[in-house]
């Protein structure tokens, strides 16, 4: 049995497992920003999109699993996160979705499966809605698609440990290491009003979607996940027991099993 990190003590102290050596990495110049990406392994492409305030290194337990299953894992630091830069404009999920498409174009990925965590899930679903011909399917983990889907914020030791890790990593990776507070403010401002997709918007999505909700998610209402699964045509809902918003770090094998099942259903 794998050791659990339910309280994120290991993550707070050391981060996720280190990413393996990349097959290719670099930056894409796109719409006022430099977007960092890296690829690992070969095979059918799977793009991993991290959560708000984090970076691609948070997928350290998932990338080896994808390589071992014969996939090409692609990670992208969202605009302003990790090694990617941002300009002065207001954040939007649609803008960050366009960044993902720009990376896909540079890598000549005609189509890929998207695995999104928190803000990354929103970005993935928006890309699936806007460019369905480029998206084999979306694993939508731990996010909302309108402001009513979020719980009232309650600080917990687990959240504080995660936030502390994000601050440390930002200082080490960012081109603007002294601007973490401004970065947090900009992302938080976006989260107050975005995303804001209606049921009719969701009903027009035509890519396969698996909505994954953790039993103890600190941020997302379970009834919102149920609503998304009802509103998106053909969507599946999976509830992960025993974990919270940070399942890919807390119990990687459990999350990876869900990810593998999703990929088996959307990739040839």
Protein backbone atom coordinates (compact mmCIF):
# COMPACT_ATOMS: atom_id res chain seq x y z
CA UNK A 1 0.00 0.00 0.00
CA UNK A 2 1.26 3.48 -0.82
CA UNK A 3 1.93 5.90 2.05
CA UNK A 4 -0.78 8.52 2.29
CA UNK A 5 -0.11 12.25 2.62
CA UNK A 6 -3.64 13.22 3.63
CA UNK A 7 -2.42 16.13 5.78
CA UNK A 8 0.05 17.31 3.07
CA UNK A 9 2.95 17.30 5.50
CA UNK A 10 5.22 15.62 2.95
CA UNK A 11 4.09 18.01 0.23
CA UNK A 12 4.60 21.07 2.43
CA UNK A 13 8.12 19.98 3.31
CA UNK A 14 9.34 18.65 -0.03
CA UNK A 15 6.76 19.20 -2.76
CA UNK A 16 5.50 16.39 -4.99
CA UNK A 17 7.82 13.76 -6.41
CA UNK A 18 10.30 15.35 -8.85
CA UNK A 19 9.29 15.24 -12.50
CA UNK A 20 11.44 12.88 -14.60
CA UNK A 21 13.82 14.21 -17.28
CA UNK A 22 11.77 15.82 -20.04
CA UNK A 23 11.79 14.65 -23.64
CA UNK A 24 11.24 18.27 -24.64
CA UNK A 25 10.67 21.52 -22.80
CA UNK A 26 10.59 25.21 -23.55
CA UNK A 27 8.45 28.32 -23.74
CA UNK A 28 5.76 29.37 -26.21
CA UNK A 29 5.40 33.09 -26.83
CA UNK A 30 1.67 33.73 -26.82
CA UNK A 31 -0.51 36.79 -26.39
CA UNK A 32 1.76 38.77 -24.10
CA UNK A 33 3.15 35.85 -22.10
CA UNK A 34 5.82 33.13 -22.22
CA UNK A 35 4.13 29.80 -21.49
CA UNK A 36 6.35 27.01 -20.19
CA UNK A 37 5.72 23.39 -21.17
CA UNK A 38 7.43 20.01 -21.01
CA UNK A 39 6.71 16.59 -22.50
CA UNK A 40 7.58 13.12 -21.23
CA UNK A 41 7.47 9.74 -22.91
CA UNK A 42 5.83 8.81 -26.19
CA UNK A 43 2.43 7.67 -27.32
CA UNK A 44 -1.05 9.15 -27.16
CA UNK A 45 -0.85 12.67 -25.70
CA UNK A 46 -2.34 13.55 -22.32
CA UNK A 47 -2.14 17.17 -21.14
CA UNK A 48 -2.08 17.78 -17.39
CA UNK A 49 -3.35 21.20 -16.22
CA UNK A 50 -2.56 22.12 -12.62
CA UNK A 51 -4.59 24.11 -10.11
CA UNK A 52 -4.58 27.81 -9.28
CA UNK A 53 -1.38 29.14 -7.64
CA UNK A 54 0.41 25.85 -8.33
CA UNK A 55 2.59 24.65 -11.18
CA UNK A 56 3.30 21.56 -13.27
CA UNK A 57 5.56 20.01 -10.65
CA UNK A 58 2.44 19.24 -8.64
CA UNK A 59 1.83 16.41 -11.14
CA UNK A 60 4.96 14.56 -10.01
CA UNK A 61 3.01 11.42 -9.07
CA UNK A 62 0.95 11.34 -12.27
CA UNK A 63 3.56 11.84 -15.01
CA UNK A 64 5.40 8.54 -14.34
CA UNK A 65 2.08 6.68 -14.30
CA UNK A 66 1.20 8.09 -17.72
CA UNK A 67 4.62 7.24 -19.16
CA UNK A 68 4.32 3.71 -17.80
CA UNK A 69 0.93 3.32 -19.46
CA UNK A 70 2.34 4.30 -22.85
CA UNK A 71 1.18 7.90 -23.02
CA UNK A 72 2.99 11.10 -23.86
CA UNK A 73 2.52 13.32 -20.82
CA UNK A 74 2.45 17.06 -21.46
CA UNK A 75 2.54 19.56 -18.60
CA UNK A 76 1.96 23.30 -18.94
CA UNK A 77 2.51 26.04 -16.36
CA UNK A 78 -0.55 28.27 -16.58
CA UNK A 79 -0.05 31.94 -17.40
CA UNK A 80 1.77 33.65 -14.52
CA UNK A 81 2.23 30.35 -12.66
CA UNK A 82 5.51 28.48 -12.20
CA UNK A 83 7.91 29.24 -15.04
CA UNK A 84 5.31 31.00 -17.19
CA UNK A 85 5.03 34.79 -17.29
CA UNK A 86 2.00 37.06 -17.50
CA UNK A 87 1.29 40.61 -18.61
CA UNK A 88 -0.76 43.23 -16.81
CA UNK A 89 -4.17 42.27 -18.14
CA UNK A 90 -6.89 40.75 -16.00
CA UNK A 91 -6.82 36.96 -15.75
CA UNK A 92 -9.43 34.91 -17.55
CA UNK A 93 -9.87 31.18 -17.95
CA UNK A 94 -10.55 31.66 -21.66
CA UNK A 95 -7.17 33.35 -22.09
CA UNK A 96 -5.43 30.48 -20.32
CA UNK A 97 -7.31 27.98 -22.48
CA UNK A 98 -5.94 29.77 -25.54
CA UNK A 99 -2.45 29.35 -24.08
CA UNK A 100 -2.96 25.58 -23.95
CA UNK A 101 -4.02 25.57 -27.58
CA UNK A 102 -0.89 27.55 -28.50
CA UNK A 103 1.29 24.90 -26.83
CA UNK A 104 -0.59 22.15 -28.66
CA UNK A 105 0.07 23.93 -31.95
CA UNK A 106 3.81 24.24 -31.26
CA UNK A 107 3.98 20.55 -30.31
CA UNK A 108 1.85 19.66 -33.35
CA UNK A 109 -0.71 17.87 -31.22
CA UNK A 110 -3.83 17.58 -33.32
CA UNK A 111 -5.83 16.15 -30.44
CA UNK A 112 -5.17 15.29 -26.80
CA UNK A 113 -6.93 14.13 -23.66
CA UNK A 114 -7.00 16.78 -20.93
CA UNK A 115 -6.68 16.07 -17.21
CA UNK A 116 -7.53 19.20 -15.22
CA UNK A 117 -7.27 19.83 -11.49
CA UNK A 118 -9.15 22.77 -9.94
CA UNK A 119 -8.50 25.85 -12.13
CA UNK A 120 -6.90 23.49 -14.63
CA UNK A 121 -10.19 21.60 -14.89
CA UNK A 122 -12.02 24.79 -15.80
CA UNK A 123 -9.39 25.61 -18.42
CA UNK A 124 -9.68 22.10 -19.85
CA UNK A 125 -13.48 22.19 -20.07
CA UNK A 126 -13.47 25.63 -21.71
CA UNK A 127 -10.98 24.39 -24.29
CA UNK A 128 -13.20 21.36 -24.88
CA UNK A 129 -16.17 23.67 -25.42
CA UNK A 130 -14.31 26.05 -27.72
CA UNK A 131 -12.19 23.60 -29.73
CA UNK A 132 -13.82 20.16 -29.44
CA UNK A 133 -11.95 18.88 -32.48
CA UNK A 134 -8.71 19.20 -30.48
CA UNK A 135 -9.92 17.49 -27.29
CA UNK A 136 -10.36 13.72 -26.93
CA UNK A 137 -11.96 14.14 -23.50
CA UNK A 138 -11.79 16.09 -20.24
CA UNK A 139 -11.20 14.77 -16.74
CA UNK A 140 -12.70 17.59 -14.66
CA UNK A 141 -11.43 17.29 -11.09
CA UNK A 142 -12.35 19.59 -8.23
CA UNK A 143 -13.67 22.77 -9.82
CA UNK A 144 -16.77 24.86 -10.42
CA UNK A 145 -18.21 26.29 -13.63
CA UNK A 146 -20.14 29.14 -12.01
CA UNK A 147 -19.62 31.01 -8.72
CA UNK A 148 -22.52 29.23 -6.98
CA UNK A 149 -20.52 25.99 -7.00
CA UNK A 150 -18.00 27.04 -4.37
CA UNK A 151 -18.19 26.63 -0.62
CA UNK A 152 -17.49 29.49 1.77
CA UNK A 153 -13.74 29.55 2.35
CA UNK A 154 -12.55 28.05 5.62
CA UNK A 155 -8.82 28.01 6.31
CA UNK A 156 -7.50 24.63 7.40
CA UNK A 157 -4.01 23.35 8.21
CA UNK A 158 -4.04 21.34 4.96
CA UNK A 159 -4.88 24.42 2.88
CA UNK A 160 -2.25 26.47 4.74
CA UNK A 161 0.40 23.82 4.05
CA UNK A 162 -0.50 23.78 0.37
CA UNK A 163 -0.44 27.58 0.17
CA UNK A 164 2.95 27.69 1.88
CA UNK A 165 4.34 25.20 -0.64
CA UNK A 166 2.96 27.30 -3.50
CA UNK A 167 4.67 30.41 -2.10
CA UNK A 168 8.00 28.60 -1.79
CA UNK A 169 7.78 27.17 -5.31
CA UNK A 170 6.77 30.51 -6.81
CA UNK A 171 9.84 32.16 -5.31
CA UNK A 172 12.05 29.45 -6.80
CA UNK A 173 10.48 29.18 -10.27
CA UNK A 174 8.94 32.50 -11.24
CA UNK A 175 10.56 35.17 -13.37
CA UNK A 176 9.05 37.63 -10.85
CA UNK A 177 9.83 35.87 -7.56
CA UNK A 178 9.00 38.87 -5.36
CA UNK A 179 5.47 39.33 -6.74
CA UNK A 180 3.67 36.39 -5.15
CA UNK A 181 1.17 38.55 -3.27
CA UNK A 182 0.19 40.45 -6.42
CA UNK A 183 -0.09 37.15 -8.29
CA UNK A 184 -2.38 35.69 -5.62
CA UNK A 185 -4.50 38.83 -5.73
CA UNK A 186 -4.90 38.66 -9.49
CA UNK A 187 -5.87 34.98 -9.49
CA UNK A 188 -8.24 35.47 -6.54
CA UNK A 189 -9.98 38.33 -8.31
CA UNK A 190 -10.65 36.07 -11.30
CA UNK A 191 -12.04 33.33 -9.07
CA UNK A 192 -14.64 35.67 -7.55
CA UNK A 193 -16.63 35.96 -10.78
CA UNK A 194 -15.23 33.31 -13.12
CA UNK A 195 -16.00 30.92 -14.58
CA UNK A 196 -19.66 31.73 -15.11
CA UNK A 197 -21.11 29.17 -17.51
CA UNK A 198 -24.85 28.57 -17.61
CA UNK A 199 -26.63 25.24 -17.90
CA UNK A 200 -27.26 26.06 -21.56
CA UNK A 201 -23.53 26.63 -22.07
CA UNK A 202 -22.77 23.28 -20.49
CA UNK A 203 -25.42 21.55 -22.61
CA UNK A 204 -23.52 22.55 -25.75
CA UNK A 205 -20.34 20.71 -24.76
CA UNK A 206 -19.71 17.82 -27.12
CA UNK A 207 -16.56 16.16 -25.80
CA UNK A 208 -16.51 13.25 -23.33
CA UNK A 209 -16.32 14.56 -19.77
CA UNK A 210 -15.70 12.78 -16.48
CA UNK A 211 -16.50 14.92 -13.44
CA UNK A 212 -14.48 13.82 -10.41
CA UNK A 213 -15.40 15.08 -6.94
CA UNK A 214 -13.53 14.26 -3.74
CA UNK A 215 -15.53 13.25 -0.70
CA UNK A 216 -13.92 15.98 1.43
CA UNK A 217 -13.29 18.72 -1.13
CA UNK A 218 -12.67 21.96 0.74
CA UNK A 219 -13.79 24.27 -2.06
CA UNK A 220 -16.44 22.68 -4.29
CA UNK A 221 -19.99 21.74 -3.30
CA UNK A 222 -20.82 18.09 -4.08
CA UNK A 223 -24.20 19.11 -5.47
CA UNK A 224 -22.38 21.32 -7.99
CA UNK A 225 -20.45 18.33 -9.29
CA UNK A 226 -23.74 16.47 -9.60
CA UNK A 227 -25.24 19.42 -11.49
CA UNK A 228 -22.30 19.49 -13.91
CA UNK A 229 -22.63 15.77 -14.60
CA UNK A 230 -26.36 16.22 -15.29
CA UNK A 231 -25.88 19.29 -17.47
CA UNK A 232 -23.00 18.14 -19.70
CA UNK A 233 -24.29 15.63 -22.27
CA UNK A 234 -23.05 12.10 -21.55
CA UNK A 235 -20.90 13.16 -18.61
CA UNK A 236 -19.92 10.66 -15.92
CA UNK A 237 -19.63 11.49 -12.21
CA UNK A 238 -17.06 9.79 -10.00
CA UNK A 239 -16.75 10.44 -6.27
CA UNK A 240 -13.38 9.68 -4.67
CA UNK A 241 -13.70 8.58 -1.04
CA UNK A 242 -11.35 9.55 1.75
CA UNK A 243 -9.59 12.42 -0.01
CA UNK A 244 -9.99 16.17 -0.47
CA UNK A 245 -9.20 18.80 -3.09
CA UNK A 246 -5.61 17.60 -3.05
CA UNK A 247 -6.18 13.94 -3.96
CA UNK A 248 -3.39 13.72 -6.60
CA UNK A 249 -0.93 14.48 -3.78
CA UNK A 250 -2.72 12.79 -0.88
CA UNK A 251 -3.36 9.36 -2.44
CA UNK A 252 -1.76 9.28 -5.90
CA UNK A 253 -2.58 5.65 -6.68
CA UNK A 254 -6.27 6.26 -6.09
CA UNK A 255 -6.28 9.32 -8.33
CA UNK A 256 -4.17 7.58 -10.96
CA UNK A 257 -6.63 4.68 -11.11
CA UNK A 258 -9.44 7.15 -11.85
CA UNK A 259 -7.27 8.86 -14.46
CA UNK A 260 -6.43 5.54 -16.12
CA UNK A 261 -10.11 4.59 -16.33
CA UNK A 262 -10.94 7.93 -17.90
CA UNK A 263 -8.18 7.60 -20.48
CA UNK A 264 -9.21 4.07 -21.36
CA UNK A 265 -12.63 5.42 -22.22
CA UNK A 266 -11.56 8.36 -24.43
CA UNK A 267 -8.37 7.22 -26.15
CA UNK A 268 -8.19 4.61 -28.88
